[in-house]
Amino acid sequence: MEITNSYKSLNLMDKKKISSNPRKFRTLKNNSTFRFPHVVIEDKKEVWVYVASGFPSTLAVSPLMKIHYPGYRSCLCNKETFIRIGGKL
């Protein structure tokens, strides 16, 4: 009887949770907006992005640029520069 109980507990421990994270990631085809304040300069093909929180949030800029602005160059800037080039917070 003791062997059966340990077998059941072993069997339960082998089961894995598929997803315990309630946050769902968006698909690439979703037409969501760009998450950070940004200014697009069409002449130079640049997108100036202001990220208030800094690292590691800045790591999300590159994939978002590939989705929303392919062929453009991303430029991260501080708050003063962002306001100076015409950005609104």
N, C-alpha and C. Protein backbone atom coordinates (compact mmCIF):
# COMPACT_ATOMS: atom_id res chain seq x y z
N MET A 1 0.83 -1.19 0.00
CA MET A 1 0.00 0.00 0.00
C MET A 1 0.87 1.25 0.00
N GLU A 2 1.97 1.20 0.68
CA GLU A 2 2.88 2.34 0.73
C GLU A 2 3.51 2.57 -0.65
N ILE A 3 3.75 1.52 -1.39
CA ILE A 3 4.33 1.63 -2.72
C ILE A 3 3.34 2.32 -3.66
N THR A 4 2.07 2.01 -3.54
CA THR A 4 1.05 2.62 -4.39
C THR A 4 0.95 4.11 -4.14
N ASN A 5 1.01 4.54 -2.87
CA ASN A 5 0.93 5.97 -2.55
C ASN A 5 2.13 6.73 -3.09
N SER A 6 3.31 6.15 -2.95
CA SER A 6 4.49 6.83 -3.48
C SER A 6 4.45 6.88 -5.00
N TYR A 7 3.86 5.85 -5.62
CA TYR A 7 3.73 5.85 -7.07
C TYR A 7 2.80 6.97 -7.52
N LYS A 8 1.70 7.17 -6.78
CA LYS A 8 0.75 8.23 -7.13
C LYS A 8 1.40 9.60 -6.96
N SER A 9 2.14 9.78 -5.89
CA SER A 9 2.78 11.08 -5.69
C SER A 9 3.86 11.32 -6.73
N LEU A 10 4.56 10.26 -7.13
CA LEU A 10 5.56 10.39 -8.17
C LEU A 10 4.90 10.74 -9.50
N ASN A 11 3.76 10.13 -9.76
CA ASN A 11 3.03 10.39 -10.99
C ASN A 11 2.55 11.84 -11.02
N LEU A 12 2.10 12.38 -9.91
CA LEU A 12 1.65 13.77 -9.85
C LEU A 12 2.81 14.74 -10.02
N MET A 13 3.97 14.36 -9.52
CA MET A 13 5.13 15.25 -9.63
C MET A 13 5.65 15.31 -11.06
N ASP A 14 5.38 14.27 -11.86
CA ASP A 14 5.85 14.26 -13.24
C ASP A 14 5.04 15.18 -14.14
N LYS A 15 3.83 15.53 -13.74
CA LYS A 15 3.00 16.40 -14.55
C LYS A 15 3.53 17.83 -14.47
N LYS A 16 3.61 18.47 -15.63
CA LYS A 16 4.12 19.84 -15.69
C LYS A 16 2.97 20.80 -15.96
N LYS A 17 3.10 21.98 -15.39
CA LYS A 17 2.13 23.01 -15.71
C LYS A 17 2.44 23.54 -17.10
N ILE A 18 1.41 23.70 -17.89
CA ILE A 18 1.62 24.20 -19.24
C ILE A 18 1.97 25.68 -19.20
N SER A 19 1.21 26.47 -18.44
CA SER A 19 1.49 27.89 -18.35
C SER A 19 0.94 28.41 -17.04
N SER A 20 1.83 28.89 -16.19
CA SER A 20 1.39 29.49 -14.94
C SER A 20 1.42 31.00 -15.03
N ASN A 21 1.86 31.55 -16.17
CA ASN A 21 1.92 32.99 -16.37
C ASN A 21 0.60 33.47 -16.97
N PRO A 22 -0.16 34.30 -16.24
CA PRO A 22 -1.45 34.74 -16.77
C PRO A 22 -1.31 35.78 -17.88
N ARG A 23 -0.13 36.40 -18.01
CA ARG A 23 0.05 37.43 -19.03
C ARG A 23 0.26 36.77 -20.38
N LYS A 24 -0.50 37.18 -21.35
CA LYS A 24 -0.41 36.63 -22.70
C LYS A 24 0.42 37.57 -23.56
N PHE A 25 1.29 37.02 -24.38
CA PHE A 25 2.09 37.82 -25.29
C PHE A 25 1.32 38.04 -26.58
N ARG A 26 1.49 39.21 -27.15
CA ARG A 26 0.79 39.55 -28.38
C ARG A 26 1.47 38.89 -29.57
N THR A 27 0.65 38.53 -30.55
CA THR A 27 1.21 37.95 -31.75
C THR A 27 1.81 39.06 -32.61
N LEU A 28 2.69 38.71 -33.52
CA LEU A 28 3.34 39.69 -34.37
C LEU A 28 2.37 40.33 -35.35
N LYS A 29 1.31 39.64 -35.70
CA LYS A 29 0.36 40.17 -36.68
C LYS A 29 -0.68 41.10 -36.05
N ASN A 30 -0.64 41.24 -34.75
CA ASN A 30 -1.59 42.11 -34.07
C ASN A 30 -1.27 43.56 -34.40
N ASN A 31 -2.28 44.35 -34.71
CA ASN A 31 -2.07 45.75 -35.06
C ASN A 31 -2.07 46.63 -33.81
N SER A 32 -1.23 46.31 -32.86
CA SER A 32 -1.14 47.11 -31.65
C SER A 32 -0.29 48.34 -31.92
N THR A 33 -0.43 49.32 -31.07
CA THR A 33 0.33 50.55 -31.24
C THR A 33 1.73 50.39 -30.68
N PHE A 34 2.60 51.28 -31.07
CA PHE A 34 3.96 51.30 -30.56
C PHE A 34 3.88 51.66 -29.09
N ARG A 35 4.53 50.95 -28.21
CA ARG A 35 4.32 51.07 -26.76
C ARG A 35 4.98 52.28 -26.12
N PHE A 36 5.96 52.86 -26.77
CA PHE A 36 6.72 53.96 -26.16
C PHE A 36 6.46 55.26 -26.91
N PRO A 37 6.59 56.41 -26.22
CA PRO A 37 6.48 57.69 -26.94
C PRO A 37 7.60 57.79 -27.98
N HIS A 38 7.25 58.21 -29.20
CA HIS A 38 8.24 58.25 -30.26
C HIS A 38 7.92 59.34 -31.27
N VAL A 39 8.95 59.77 -31.98
CA VAL A 39 8.83 60.76 -33.04
C VAL A 39 9.45 60.16 -34.29
N VAL A 40 8.71 60.18 -35.39
CA VAL A 40 9.18 59.63 -36.65
C VAL A 40 9.69 60.77 -37.53
N ILE A 41 10.93 60.66 -37.99
CA ILE A 41 11.50 61.62 -38.94
C ILE A 41 11.62 60.90 -40.28
N GLU A 42 10.68 61.20 -41.18
CA GLU A 42 10.59 60.49 -42.46
C GLU A 42 11.80 60.74 -43.35
N ASP A 43 12.34 61.97 -43.37
CA ASP A 43 13.44 62.31 -44.27
C ASP A 43 14.68 61.46 -44.00
N LYS A 44 15.01 61.28 -42.74
CA LYS A 44 16.21 60.52 -42.36
C LYS A 44 15.93 59.05 -42.08
N LYS A 45 14.63 58.68 -42.13
CA LYS A 45 14.21 57.31 -41.79
C LYS A 45 14.67 56.95 -40.38
N GLU A 46 14.36 57.82 -39.43
CA GLU A 46 14.72 57.61 -38.03
C GLU A 46 13.46 57.65 -37.17
N VAL A 47 13.49 56.89 -36.10
CA VAL A 47 12.44 56.92 -35.09
C VAL A 47 13.12 57.19 -33.75
N TRP A 48 12.82 58.34 -33.16
CA TRP A 48 13.38 58.71 -31.86
C TRP A 48 12.43 58.21 -30.79
N VAL A 49 12.94 57.39 -29.89
CA VAL A 49 12.13 56.72 -28.88
C VAL A 49 12.60 57.16 -27.49
N TYR A 50 11.61 57.51 -26.65
CA TYR A 50 11.90 57.84 -25.25
C TYR A 50 11.37 56.72 -24.36
N VAL A 51 12.29 56.12 -23.61
CA VAL A 51 11.93 55.06 -22.67
C VAL A 51 12.28 55.56 -21.27
N ALA A 52 11.25 55.88 -20.49
CA ALA A 52 11.47 56.48 -19.17
C ALA A 52 12.12 55.50 -18.19
N SER A 53 11.76 54.25 -18.26
CA SER A 53 12.23 53.29 -17.26
C SER A 53 13.64 52.78 -17.52
N GLY A 54 14.15 52.90 -18.72
CA GLY A 54 15.51 52.45 -19.01
C GLY A 54 15.60 50.94 -19.17
N PHE A 55 16.80 50.41 -18.88
CA PHE A 55 17.05 48.98 -19.02
C PHE A 55 16.21 48.20 -18.02
N PRO A 56 15.61 47.11 -18.36
CA PRO A 56 15.63 46.30 -19.55
C PRO A 56 14.53 46.63 -20.56
N SER A 57 13.73 47.67 -20.29
CA SER A 57 12.66 48.03 -21.23
C SER A 57 13.20 48.44 -22.59
N THR A 58 14.41 48.96 -22.63
CA THR A 58 14.99 49.38 -23.90
C THR A 58 15.23 48.19 -24.84
N LEU A 59 15.29 47.00 -24.30
CA LEU A 59 15.49 45.81 -25.13
C LEU A 59 14.27 45.51 -26.00
N ALA A 60 13.12 46.06 -25.65
CA ALA A 60 11.90 45.82 -26.43
C ALA A 60 11.81 46.70 -27.65
N VAL A 61 12.64 47.73 -27.74
CA VAL A 61 12.56 48.69 -28.85
C VAL A 61 12.92 48.03 -30.18
N SER A 62 13.96 47.24 -30.23
CA SER A 62 14.41 46.63 -31.47
C SER A 62 13.35 45.72 -32.11
N PRO A 63 12.73 44.80 -31.38
CA PRO A 63 11.67 43.99 -32.00
C PRO A 63 10.46 44.82 -32.43
N LEU A 64 10.11 45.84 -31.67
CA LEU A 64 8.99 46.69 -32.05
C LEU A 64 9.30 47.48 -33.31
N MET A 65 10.55 47.90 -33.46
CA MET A 65 10.95 48.62 -34.67
C MET A 65 10.83 47.73 -35.90
N LYS A 66 11.21 46.47 -35.77
CA LYS A 66 11.13 45.55 -36.90
C LYS A 66 9.69 45.30 -37.31
N ILE A 67 8.76 45.36 -36.35
CA ILE A 67 7.35 45.13 -36.64
C ILE A 67 6.70 46.37 -37.22
N HIS A 68 6.88 47.51 -36.56
CA HIS A 68 6.14 48.72 -36.91
C HIS A 68 6.85 49.62 -37.92
N TYR A 69 8.18 49.66 -37.90
CA TYR A 69 8.94 50.54 -38.78
C TYR A 69 10.11 49.79 -39.42
N PRO A 70 9.83 48.84 -40.29
CA PRO A 70 10.94 48.13 -40.94
C PRO A 70 11.71 49.07 -41.86
N GLY A 71 13.02 48.99 -41.80
CA GLY A 71 13.86 49.85 -42.63
C GLY A 71 14.24 51.16 -41.98
N TYR A 72 13.68 51.46 -40.81
CA TYR A 72 13.99 52.69 -40.09
C TYR A 72 15.04 52.40 -39.02
N ARG A 73 15.75 53.45 -38.62
CA ARG A 73 16.77 53.33 -37.57
C ARG A 73 16.18 53.87 -36.28
N SER A 74 16.37 53.15 -35.18
CA SER A 74 15.85 53.61 -33.89
C SER A 74 16.93 54.40 -33.16
N CYS A 75 16.51 55.48 -32.51
CA CYS A 75 17.41 56.32 -31.72
C CYS A 75 16.78 56.50 -30.35
N LEU A 76 17.45 56.01 -29.33
CA LEU A 76 16.96 56.20 -27.97
C LEU A 76 17.45 57.55 -27.47
N CYS A 77 16.59 58.27 -26.76
CA CYS A 77 16.98 59.60 -26.30
C CYS A 77 16.45 59.84 -24.89
N ASN A 78 17.00 60.89 -24.25
CA ASN A 78 16.53 61.26 -22.92
C ASN A 78 15.32 62.20 -23.05
N LYS A 79 14.76 62.59 -21.93
CA LYS A 79 13.53 63.38 -21.92
C LYS A 79 13.72 64.75 -22.58
N GLU A 80 14.83 65.43 -22.30
CA GLU A 80 15.08 66.76 -22.84
C GLU A 80 15.20 66.72 -24.37
N THR A 81 15.94 65.76 -24.88
CA THR A 81 16.10 65.62 -26.33
C THR A 81 14.77 65.29 -26.99
N PHE A 82 13.99 64.43 -26.38
CA PHE A 82 12.71 64.04 -26.94
C PHE A 82 11.77 65.25 -27.05
N ILE A 83 11.73 66.08 -26.03
CA ILE A 83 10.88 67.27 -26.07
C ILE A 83 11.43 68.27 -27.09
N ARG A 84 12.75 68.40 -27.19
CA ARG A 84 13.35 69.34 -28.11
C ARG A 84 13.05 69.00 -29.58
N ILE A 85 12.99 67.71 -29.93
CA ILE A 85 12.72 67.35 -31.33
C ILE A 85 11.23 67.32 -31.64
N GLY A 86 10.40 67.65 -30.66
CA GLY A 86 8.96 67.77 -30.93
C GLY A 86 8.10 66.69 -30.33
N GLY A 87 8.63 65.89 -29.47
CA GLY A 87 7.84 64.83 -28.84
C GLY A 87 6.97 65.36 -27.72
N LYS A 88 5.85 64.69 -27.51
CA LYS A 88 4.92 65.06 -26.45
C LYS A 88 4.77 63.88 -25.49
N LEU A 89 4.88 64.18 -24.21
CA LEU A 89 4.74 63.12 -23.19
C LEU A 89 3.39 63.15 -22.55
